[in-house]
C-alpha atoms as a PDB file:
ATOM      1  CA  MET A   1       5.703 -21.693 -11.034  1.00  0.00           C
ATOM      2  CA  SER A   2       2.968 -20.517 -12.607  1.00  0.00           C
ATOM      3  CA  ARG A   3       0.265 -19.275  -9.544  1.00  0.00           C
ATOM      4  CA  LEU A   4       0.016 -15.928 -12.068  1.00  0.00           C
ATOM      5  CA  GLN A   5       0.809 -16.845 -15.281  1.00  0.00           C
ATOM      6  CA  GLY A   6      -0.724 -14.536 -17.560  1.00  0.00           C
ATOM      7  CA  LYS A   7      -1.887 -11.362 -15.137  1.00  0.00           C
ATOM      8  CA  THR A   8      -0.431  -8.042 -14.569  1.00  0.00           C
ATOM      9  CA  ALA A   9       0.247  -6.530 -11.188  1.00  0.00           C
ATOM     10  CA  ILE A  10       0.978  -3.218  -9.812  1.00  0.00           C
ATOM     11  CA  VAL A  11       2.738  -3.305  -6.580  1.00  0.00           C
ATOM     12  CA  THR A  12       3.177  -0.079  -4.297  1.00  0.00           C
ATOM     13  CA  GLY A  13       6.272   0.626  -2.186  1.00  0.00           C
ATOM     14  CA  ALA A  14       7.722  -2.604  -3.708  1.00  0.00           C
ATOM     15  CA  ALA A  15      11.155  -0.794  -4.599  1.00  0.00           C
ATOM     16  CA  SER A  16      11.817  -2.119  -0.821  1.00  0.00           C
ATOM     17  CA  GLY A  17      11.127  -4.551   2.346  1.00  0.00           C
ATOM     18  CA  MET A  18       7.885  -6.528   1.604  1.00  0.00           C
ATOM     19  CA  GLY A  19       7.008  -4.899  -1.619  1.00  0.00           C
ATOM     20  CA  THR A  20      10.050  -6.134  -3.531  1.00  0.00           C
ATOM     21  CA  ALA A  21       9.425  -9.927  -2.150  1.00  0.00           C
ATOM     22  CA  ILE A  22       6.225  -9.568  -3.190  1.00  0.00           C
ATOM     23  CA  ALA A  23       7.683  -8.401  -6.504  1.00  0.00           C
ATOM     24  CA  LYS A  24       9.732 -11.280  -7.109  1.00  0.00           C
ATOM     25  CA  LEU A  25       7.459 -13.478  -6.242  1.00  0.00           C
ATOM     26  CA  PHE A  26       4.906 -12.363  -7.981  1.00  0.00           C
ATOM     27  CA  VAL A  27       7.671 -12.393 -11.306  1.00  0.00           C
ATOM     28  CA  GLU A  28       8.480 -16.287 -10.305  1.00  0.00           C
ATOM     29  CA  GLU A  29       5.276 -17.345 -10.856  1.00  0.00           C
ATOM     30  CA  GLY A  30       4.752 -15.776 -14.133  1.00  0.00           C
ATOM     31  CA  ALA A  31       2.881 -12.251 -13.467  1.00  0.00           C
ATOM     32  CA  THR A  32       3.985  -8.950 -14.986  1.00  0.00           C
ATOM     33  CA  VAL A  33       4.725  -6.465 -12.157  1.00  0.00           C
ATOM     34  CA  THR A  34       5.010  -2.486 -12.051  1.00  0.00           C
ATOM     35  CA  ILE A  35       6.992  -1.704  -8.983  1.00  0.00           C
ATOM     36  CA  ALA A  36       5.070   1.755  -8.256  1.00  0.00           C
ATOM     37  CA  ASP A  37       7.563   3.722  -5.575  1.00  0.00           C
ATOM     38  CA  ILE A  38       8.751   6.846  -4.830  1.00  0.00           C
ATOM     39  CA  GLN A  39      12.493   5.429  -4.774  1.00  0.00           C
ATOM     40  CA  ASP A  40      13.102   5.899  -8.003  1.00  0.00           C
ATOM     41  CA  GLU A  41      16.903   4.478  -8.106  1.00  0.00           C
ATOM     42  CA  ALA A  42      16.061   1.451  -6.234  1.00  0.00           C
ATOM     43  CA  GLY A  43      13.144   0.741  -7.948  1.00  0.00           C
ATOM     44  CA  LYS A  44      14.699   1.406 -11.321  1.00  0.00           C
ATOM     45  CA  ALA A  45      17.351  -1.327 -10.006  1.00  0.00           C
ATOM     46  CA  LEU A  46      15.237  -4.003  -9.022  1.00  0.00           C
ATOM     47  CA  ALA A  47      13.481  -3.480 -12.718  1.00  0.00           C
ATOM     48  CA  ASP A  48      16.224  -4.261 -13.977  1.00  0.00           C
ATOM     49  CA  GLU A  49      17.045  -7.293 -12.354  1.00  0.00           C
ATOM     50  CA  LEU A  50      13.984  -8.947 -12.689  1.00  0.00           C
ATOM     51  CA  GLY A  51      13.736  -8.395 -16.270  1.00  0.00           C
ATOM     52  CA  SER A  52      11.405  -7.916 -19.358  1.00  0.00           C
ATOM     53  CA  ASN A  53       8.196  -8.685 -16.829  1.00  0.00           C
ATOM     54  CA  ALA A  54       8.908  -5.713 -14.350  1.00  0.00           C
ATOM     55  CA  HIS A  55       8.595  -2.479 -14.864  1.00  0.00           C
ATOM     56  CA  TYR A  56       9.366   0.631 -12.721  1.00  0.00           C
ATOM     57  CA  GLN A  57       6.819   3.608 -12.264  1.00  0.00           C
ATOM     58  CA  HIS A  58       7.327   6.297 -10.026  1.00  0.00           C
ATOM     59  CA  LEU A  59       4.282   7.173  -7.974  1.00  0.00           C
ATOM     60  CA  ASN A  60       3.580   9.127  -4.970  1.00  0.00           C
ATOM     61  CA  VAL A  61       0.513   6.689  -3.566  1.00  0.00           C
ATOM     62  CA  THR A  62      -0.771  10.270  -1.954  1.00  0.00           C
ATOM     63  CA  SER A  63      -1.705  11.831  -5.400  1.00  0.00           C
ATOM     64  CA  PRO A  64      -4.683  11.450  -7.685  1.00  0.00           C
ATOM     65  CA  ASP A  65      -2.375  12.113 -10.690  1.00  0.00           C
ATOM     66  CA  GLU A  66       0.305  10.186 -10.310  1.00  0.00           C
ATOM     67  CA  TRP A  67      -2.404   6.995  -9.545  1.00  0.00           C
ATOM     68  CA  GLN A  68      -3.971   7.770 -12.928  1.00  0.00           C
ATOM     69  CA  THR A  69      -0.716   8.402 -14.608  1.00  0.00           C
ATOM     70  CA  CYS A  70       0.318   4.727 -13.294  1.00  0.00           C
ATOM     71  CA  VAL A  71      -2.756   2.980 -14.367  1.00  0.00           C
ATOM     72  CA  ASP A  72      -2.627   4.309 -17.601  1.00  0.00           C
ATOM     73  CA  THR A  73       0.690   3.457 -18.446  1.00  0.00           C
ATOM     74  CA  VAL A  74       0.164   0.039 -17.209  1.00  0.00           C
ATOM     75  CA  ILE A  75      -3.343  -0.258 -19.295  1.00  0.00           C
ATOM     76  CA  ASN A  76      -1.130   1.141 -22.535  1.00  0.00           C
ATOM     77  CA  ALA A  77       2.027  -1.278 -21.657  1.00  0.00           C
ATOM     78  CA  ASP A  78      -0.433  -4.441 -20.770  1.00  0.00           C
ATOM     79  CA  GLY A  79      -3.951  -3.922 -21.452  1.00  0.00           C
ATOM     80  CA  LYS A  80      -5.223  -4.525 -18.036  1.00  0.00           C
ATOM     81  CA  ILE A  81      -4.511  -4.761 -14.279  1.00  0.00           C
ATOM     82  CA  ASP A  82      -5.084  -7.817 -12.821  1.00  0.00           C
ATOM     83  CA  VAL A  83      -4.026  -7.741  -9.159  1.00  0.00           C
ATOM     84  CA  LEU A  84      -2.902  -4.276  -7.159  1.00  0.00           C
ATOM     85  CA  VAL A  85      -1.090  -5.091  -4.164  1.00  0.00           C
ATOM     86  CA  ASN A  86      -1.569  -1.861  -1.948  1.00  0.00           C
ATOM     87  CA  ASN A  87       1.871  -1.940  -0.031  1.00  0.00           C
ATOM     88  CA  ALA A  88       3.224   1.292   0.650  1.00  0.00           C
ATOM     89  CA  GLY A  89       3.310   2.305   4.162  1.00  0.00           C
ATOM     90  CA  ILE A  90       5.068   4.573   6.307  1.00  0.00           C
ATOM     91  CA  ILE A  91       5.488   4.025  10.461  1.00  0.00           C
ATOM     92  CA  LYS A  92       6.656   6.800  13.403  1.00  0.00           C
ATOM     93  CA  PHE A  93       7.492   5.753  16.801  1.00  0.00           C
ATOM     94  CA  ALA A  94       6.749   8.018  19.254  1.00  0.00           C
ATOM     95  CA  GLY A  95       3.838   8.867  22.375  1.00  0.00           C
ATOM     96  CA  ILE A  96       0.513  10.213  21.671  1.00  0.00           C
ATOM     97  CA  LEU A  97       2.032  13.827  22.990  1.00  0.00           C
ATOM     98  CA  ASP A  98       4.923  13.376  20.721  1.00  0.00           C
ATOM     99  CA  LEU A  99       3.050  13.458  17.498  1.00  0.00           C
ATOM    100  CA  SER A 100       2.945  16.453  15.625  1.00  0.00           C
ATOM    101  CA  VAL A 101       0.042  17.463  13.029  1.00  0.00           C
ATOM    102  CA  GLU A 102       1.895  16.939  10.391  1.00  0.00           C
ATOM    103  CA  ASP A 103       2.889  13.291  11.598  1.00  0.00           C
ATOM    104  CA  ILE A 104      -0.787  12.346  11.897  1.00  0.00           C
ATOM    105  CA  LYS A 105      -1.521  14.007   8.594  1.00  0.00           C
ATOM    106  CA  THR A 106       0.941  11.977   6.930  1.00  0.00           C
ATOM    107  CA  ILE A 107       0.827   8.739   7.998  1.00  0.00           C
ATOM    108  CA  MET A 108      -2.654   8.993   7.633  1.00  0.00           C
ATOM    109  CA  ASP A 109      -2.159  10.180   3.966  1.00  0.00           C
ATOM    110  CA  VAL A 110      -0.029   8.031   3.012  1.00  0.00           C
ATOM    111  CA  ASN A 111      -1.561   5.050   4.972  1.00  0.00           C
ATOM    112  CA  VAL A 112      -4.870   5.798   4.485  1.00  0.00           C
ATOM    113  CA  MET A 113      -5.584   7.686   1.483  1.00  0.00           C
ATOM    114  CA  GLY A 114      -3.033   5.707  -0.577  1.00  0.00           C
ATOM    115  CA  VAL A 115      -4.820   2.686  -0.373  1.00  0.00           C
ATOM    116  CA  MET A 116      -8.161   4.488  -1.275  1.00  0.00           C
ATOM    117  CA  LEU A 117      -6.979   6.301  -4.199  1.00  0.00           C
ATOM    118  CA  GLY A 118      -4.680   2.835  -5.295  1.00  0.00           C
ATOM    119  CA  THR A 119      -8.484   0.943  -4.915  1.00  0.00           C
ATOM    120  CA  LYS A 120     -10.709   3.820  -6.622  1.00  0.00           C
ATOM    121  CA  THR A 121      -8.344   4.101  -9.718  1.00  0.00           C
ATOM    122  CA  VAL A 122      -7.830   0.673 -10.171  1.00  0.00           C
ATOM    123  CA  ALA A 123     -11.505  -0.759  -9.488  1.00  0.00           C
ATOM    124  CA  LYS A 124     -12.719   1.683 -12.211  1.00  0.00           C
ATOM    125  CA  HIS A 125     -10.801  -0.480 -14.756  1.00  0.00           C
ATOM    126  CA  MET A 126     -11.529  -3.819 -13.048  1.00  0.00           C
ATOM    127  CA  ILE A 127     -15.137  -3.051 -12.515  1.00  0.00           C
ATOM    128  CA  GLU A 128     -14.826  -3.054 -17.059  1.00  0.00           C
ATOM    129  CA  LYS A 129     -13.537  -6.491 -17.028  1.00  0.00           C
ATOM    130  CA  LYS A 130     -15.564  -7.537 -14.009  1.00  0.00           C
ATOM    131  CA  SER A 131     -12.761  -9.559 -12.575  1.00  0.00           C
ATOM    132  CA  GLY A 132      -9.559  -8.277 -10.393  1.00  0.00           C
ATOM    133  CA  SER A 133      -7.660  -8.946  -7.122  1.00  0.00           C
ATOM    134  CA  ILE A 134      -6.813  -6.042  -4.248  1.00  0.00           C
ATOM    135  CA  VAL A 135      -3.872  -6.919  -2.053  1.00  0.00           C
ATOM    136  CA  ASN A 136      -4.198  -4.401   1.047  1.00  0.00           C
ATOM    137  CA  ILE A 137      -0.901  -4.779   3.424  1.00  0.00           C
ATOM    138  CA  SER A 138      -2.555  -3.861   7.171  1.00  0.00           C
ATOM    139  CA  SER A 139      -0.993  -4.483  10.087  1.00  0.00           C
ATOM    140  CA  ALA A 140      -1.158  -7.292  13.083  1.00  0.00           C
ATOM    141  CA  ASP A 141      -1.317  -3.576  14.317  1.00  0.00           C
ATOM    142  CA  GLY A 142      -4.624  -3.165  12.637  1.00  0.00           C
ATOM    143  CA  LEU A 143      -5.954  -6.225  14.109  1.00  0.00           C
ATOM    144  CA  SER A 144      -4.285  -5.555  17.989  1.00  0.00           C
ATOM    145  CA  THR A 145      -2.345  -2.276  19.159  1.00  0.00           C
ATOM    146  CA  ALA A 146       0.956  -1.592  20.467  1.00  0.00           C
ATOM    147  CA  ASN A 147       2.288   1.660  22.523  1.00  0.00           C
ATOM    148  CA  ALA A 148       4.389   4.518  20.703  1.00  0.00           C
ATOM    149  CA  LEU A 149       2.110   3.448  17.471  1.00  0.00           C
ATOM    150  CA  SER A 150      -1.267   5.428  17.788  1.00  0.00           C
ATOM    151  CA  ALA A 151      -1.388   7.118  14.490  1.00  0.00           C
ATOM    152  CA  TYR A 152       0.258   3.876  13.173  1.00  0.00           C
ATOM    153  CA  CYS A 153      -2.725   2.063  14.453  1.00  0.00           C
ATOM    154  CA  ALA A 154      -5.034   4.255  13.999  1.00  0.00           C
ATOM    155  CA  SER A 155      -4.349   4.112  10.224  1.00  0.00           C
ATOM    156  CA  LYS A 156      -4.439  -0.058   9.683  1.00  0.00           C
ATOM    157  CA  TRP A 157      -7.634  -0.094  11.479  1.00  0.00           C
ATOM    158  CA  ALA A 158      -8.566   2.358   9.204  1.00  0.00           C
ATOM    159  CA  VAL A 159      -7.245  -0.575   6.050  1.00  0.00           C
ATOM    160  CA  ARG A 160      -9.404  -3.192   7.552  1.00  0.00           C
ATOM    161  CA  GLY A 161     -12.305  -1.766   7.482  1.00  0.00           C
ATOM    162  CA  TYR A 162     -11.788  -0.078   4.280  1.00  0.00           C
ATOM    163  CA  THR A 163     -11.296  -3.219   2.722  1.00  0.00           C
ATOM    164  CA  LYS A 164     -13.935  -4.709   3.937  1.00  0.00           C
ATOM    165  CA  ALA A 165     -16.350  -2.164   2.983  1.00  0.00           C
ATOM    166  CA  THR A 166     -14.853  -2.578  -0.725  1.00  0.00           C
ATOM    167  CA  ALA A 167     -15.403  -5.986  -0.895  1.00  0.00           C
ATOM    168  CA  LEU A 168     -19.163  -5.782  -0.067  1.00  0.00           C
ATOM    169  CA  GLU A 169     -19.365  -3.221  -2.957  1.00  0.00           C
ATOM    170  CA  LEU A 170     -16.667  -4.989  -5.449  1.00  0.00           C
ATOM    171  CA  GLY A 171     -16.943  -8.438  -4.287  1.00  0.00           C
ATOM    172  CA  HIS A 172     -20.775  -9.147  -6.515  1.00  0.00           C
ATOM    173  CA  ILE A 173     -18.791  -7.862  -9.266  1.00  0.00           C
ATOM    174  CA  GLY A 174     -16.275 -10.037  -9.276  1.00  0.00           C
ATOM    175  CA  ILE A 175     -13.391  -8.039  -7.655  1.00  0.00           C
ATOM    176  CA  ARG A 176     -12.178  -9.588  -4.330  1.00  0.00           C
ATOM    177  CA  VAL A 177     -10.413  -7.251  -1.701  1.00  0.00           C
ATOM    178  CA  ASN A 178      -8.359  -8.737   1.187  1.00  0.00           C
ATOM    179  CA  SER A 179      -6.023  -7.550   3.911  1.00  0.00           C
ATOM    180  CA  ILE A 180      -3.169  -9.094   5.423  1.00  0.00           C
ATOM    181  CA  HIS A 181      -1.282  -8.145   8.573  1.00  0.00           C
ATOM    182  CA  PRO A 182       1.941  -8.879   8.914  1.00  0.00           C
ATOM    183  CA  GLY A 183       3.710  -8.028  12.216  1.00  0.00           C
ATOM    184  CA  GLY A 184       7.410  -8.297  13.034  1.00  0.00           C
ATOM    185  CA  ILE A 185       8.720  -8.586  10.161  1.00  0.00           C
ATOM    186  CA  ASP A 186      12.380  -7.863   9.346  1.00  0.00           C
ATOM    187  CA  THR A 187      12.090  -4.787   6.860  1.00  0.00           C
ATOM    188  CA  PRO A 188      13.929  -1.027   6.931  1.00  0.00           C
ATOM    189  CA  LEU A 189      10.289  -0.114   8.145  1.00  0.00           C
ATOM    190  CA  ALA A 190       9.604  -2.047  11.161  1.00  0.00           C
ATOM    191  CA  ASN A 191      14.156  -2.266  12.004  1.00  0.00           C
ATOM    192  CA  GLN A 192      14.813   1.113  11.435  1.00  0.00           C
ATOM    193  CA  MET A 193      17.801   0.550  13.497  1.00  0.00           C
ATOM    194  CA  ASN A 194      19.193  -2.167  11.181  1.00  0.00           C
ATOM    195  CA  VAL A 195      20.002  -4.020  14.443  1.00  0.00           C
ATOM    196  CA  PRO A 196      21.413  -7.806  13.848  1.00  0.00           C
ATOM    197  CA  ARG A 197      18.627 -10.732  13.189  1.00  0.00           C
ATOM    198  CA  GLU A 198      19.364 -12.624  16.392  1.00  0.00           C
ATOM    199  CA  MET A 199      18.751  -9.157  18.386  1.00  0.00           C
ATOM    200  CA  PHE A 200      16.021  -8.431  16.295  1.00  0.00           C
ATOM    201  CA  ASP A 201      14.494 -12.065  16.786  1.00  0.00           C
ATOM    202  CA  GLN A 202      14.995 -11.093  20.883  1.00  0.00           C
ATOM    203  CA  GLY A 203      11.763  -8.964  21.009  1.00  0.00           C
ATOM    204  CA  PHE A 204       9.647 -11.630  19.689  1.00  0.00           C
ATOM    205  CA  LYS A 205      10.128 -13.598  22.024  1.00  0.00           C
ATOM    206  CA  PRO A 206       6.704 -13.802  24.075  1.00  0.00           C
ATOM    207  CA  TYR A 207       5.280 -15.062  20.919  1.00  0.00           C
ATOM    208  CA  PRO A 208       4.650 -18.607  19.487  1.00  0.00           C
ATOM    209  CA  ALA A 209       7.265 -18.431  16.473  1.00  0.00           C
ATOM    210  CA  GLN A 210       9.825 -16.901  19.054  1.00  0.00           C
ATOM    211  CA  ARG A 211      11.115 -14.802  16.072  1.00  0.00           C
ATOM    212  CA  ALA A 212      10.813 -11.739  14.104  1.00  0.00           C
ATOM    213  CA  GLY A 213       9.419 -13.067  10.261  1.00  0.00           C
ATOM    214  CA  ASP A 214      10.892 -12.417   6.597  1.00  0.00           C
ATOM    215  CA  PRO A 215       9.898 -10.533   4.307  1.00  0.00           C
ATOM    216  CA  MET A 216       9.170 -13.835   1.666  1.00  0.00           C
ATOM    217  CA  GLU A 217       6.428 -15.060   3.851  1.00  0.00           C
ATOM    218  CA  VAL A 218       4.363 -11.995   3.983  1.00  0.00           C
ATOM    219  CA  ALA A 219       4.615 -11.973   0.109  1.00  0.00           C
ATOM    220  CA  TYR A 220       3.504 -16.217  -0.071  1.00  0.00           C
ATOM    221  CA  ALA A 221       0.242 -14.368   1.499  1.00  0.00           C
ATOM    222  CA  ALA A 222      -0.032 -11.905  -0.983  1.00  0.00           C
ATOM    223  CA  LEU A 223       0.728 -14.640  -3.889  1.00  0.00           C
ATOM    224  CA  TYR A 224      -2.702 -16.609  -2.378  1.00  0.00           C
ATOM    225  CA  LEU A 225      -4.750 -13.800  -2.148  1.00  0.00           C
ATOM    226  CA  ALA A 226      -3.487 -12.467  -5.853  1.00  0.00           C
ATOM    227  CA  SER A 227      -3.831 -16.456  -7.093  1.00  0.00           C
ATOM    228  CA  ASP A 228      -7.190 -17.770  -8.445  1.00  0.00           C
ATOM    229  CA  GLU A 229      -6.979 -19.928  -5.742  1.00  0.00           C
ATOM    230  CA  ALA A 230      -8.177 -17.207  -3.187  1.00  0.00           C
ATOM    231  CA  GLY A 231     -11.047 -17.064  -5.345  1.00  0.00           C
ATOM    232  CA  TYR A 232     -13.714 -17.384  -2.214  1.00  0.00           C
ATOM    233  CA  CYS A 233     -11.598 -14.808  -0.367  1.00  0.00           C
ATOM    234  CA  MET A 234     -13.474 -11.440  -0.083  1.00  0.00           C
ATOM    235  CA  GLY A 235     -12.889  -9.039   3.078  1.00  0.00           C
ATOM    236  CA  THR A 236     -10.494 -11.762   4.464  1.00  0.00           C
ATOM    237  CA  GLU A 237      -8.236 -10.894   7.086  1.00  0.00           C
ATOM    238  CA  LEU A 238      -5.097 -13.233   6.873  1.00  0.00           C
ATOM    239  CA  ALA A 239      -2.019 -12.365   9.679  1.00  0.00           C
ATOM    240  CA  VAL A 240       0.925 -13.237   8.920  1.00  0.00           C
ATOM    241  CA  ASP A 241       2.684 -12.424  11.955  1.00  0.00           C
ATOM    242  CA  GLY A 242       4.236 -15.519  14.004  1.00  0.00           C
ATOM    243  CA  GLY A 243       0.796 -15.494  16.680  1.00  0.00           C
ATOM    244  CA  MET A 244       1.523 -12.102  17.701  1.00  0.00           C
ATOM    245  CA  THR A 245      -2.250 -11.862  17.771  1.00  0.00           C
ATOM    246  CA  ALA A 246      -2.960 -14.693  19.156  1.00  0.00           C
ATOM    247  CA  GLY A 247      -1.398 -13.622  22.991  1.00  0.00           C
ATOM    248  CA  HIS A 248       1.698 -13.925  24.484  1.00  0.00           C
ATOM    249  CA  TYR A 249       3.027 -15.603  27.085  1.00  0.00           C
ATOM    250  CA  TYR A 250       3.279 -15.803  30.776  1.00  0.00           C
ATOM    251  CA  TYR A 251       6.479 -17.671  31.429  1.00  0.00           C
ATOM    252  CA  HIS A 252       5.965 -18.812  34.795  1.00  0.00           C
ATOM    253  CA  LEU A 253       2.596 -20.570  33.209  1.00  0.00           C
ATOM    254  CA  PRO A 254       2.857 -24.157  32.100  1.00  0.00           C
ATOM    255  CA  GLY A 255       3.076 -24.313  28.446  1.00  0.00           C
ATOM    256  CA  ALA A 256       5.299 -21.628  27.809  1.00  0.00           C
ATOM    257  CA  PRO A 257       8.791 -21.974  26.008  1.00  0.00           C
ATOM    258  CA  GLU A 258      11.956 -22.221  28.137  1.00  0.00           C
ATOM    259  CA  GLN A 259      13.587 -19.146  28.502  1.00  0.00           C
END
């Protein structure tokens, strides 16, 4: 397993959920990974579990200073940064009228500003070596929308647009910027009530996969975009959503699965 052999990666929000799956797979595939998160205990435990090719770095993605410290630490230790996965994100389920100004600011700061600061800080190094891959984790709700998620949807649509704009600016230098759009993934962020998987799956019966997704299914998408195999992907939107954004079933019409 060596699809990322010799590469150095930063994965934000890697102490849990999809970020943990991405970090684990990247290490398995030969990368040296910096687990960047604010969950210090969980992040350090994951780094210990993954061994010498994983390191933990405290990182609040909304802080320019902490981003610079993170990048400087990685450069000093590993000499380069080949891959950045902007995975850190937050969500709040609430109707439009129930979202406070602070709620909106927090969601936009983490989900959008965090991606922009990460890209801006890491790209300075990638520009010098004229290569790199930046993978931004948007959402299926960055391709469509959902009720009770207006601020979250706004943030993930912003990530989608920002990805394409930076793909244009950085692509001709040799830096690929792409986005992944997960939907219905069974993580602590999406499954906040920690309901059993069988019960969580029920909410996704109207869609082709008929189930929720696993974080590792997103990790394999990130692996592809991070690897040299995706050399012609720039500004690409990769939906890992079990068909959520393809449409939904009308069960009374032909072609739908049996209920």
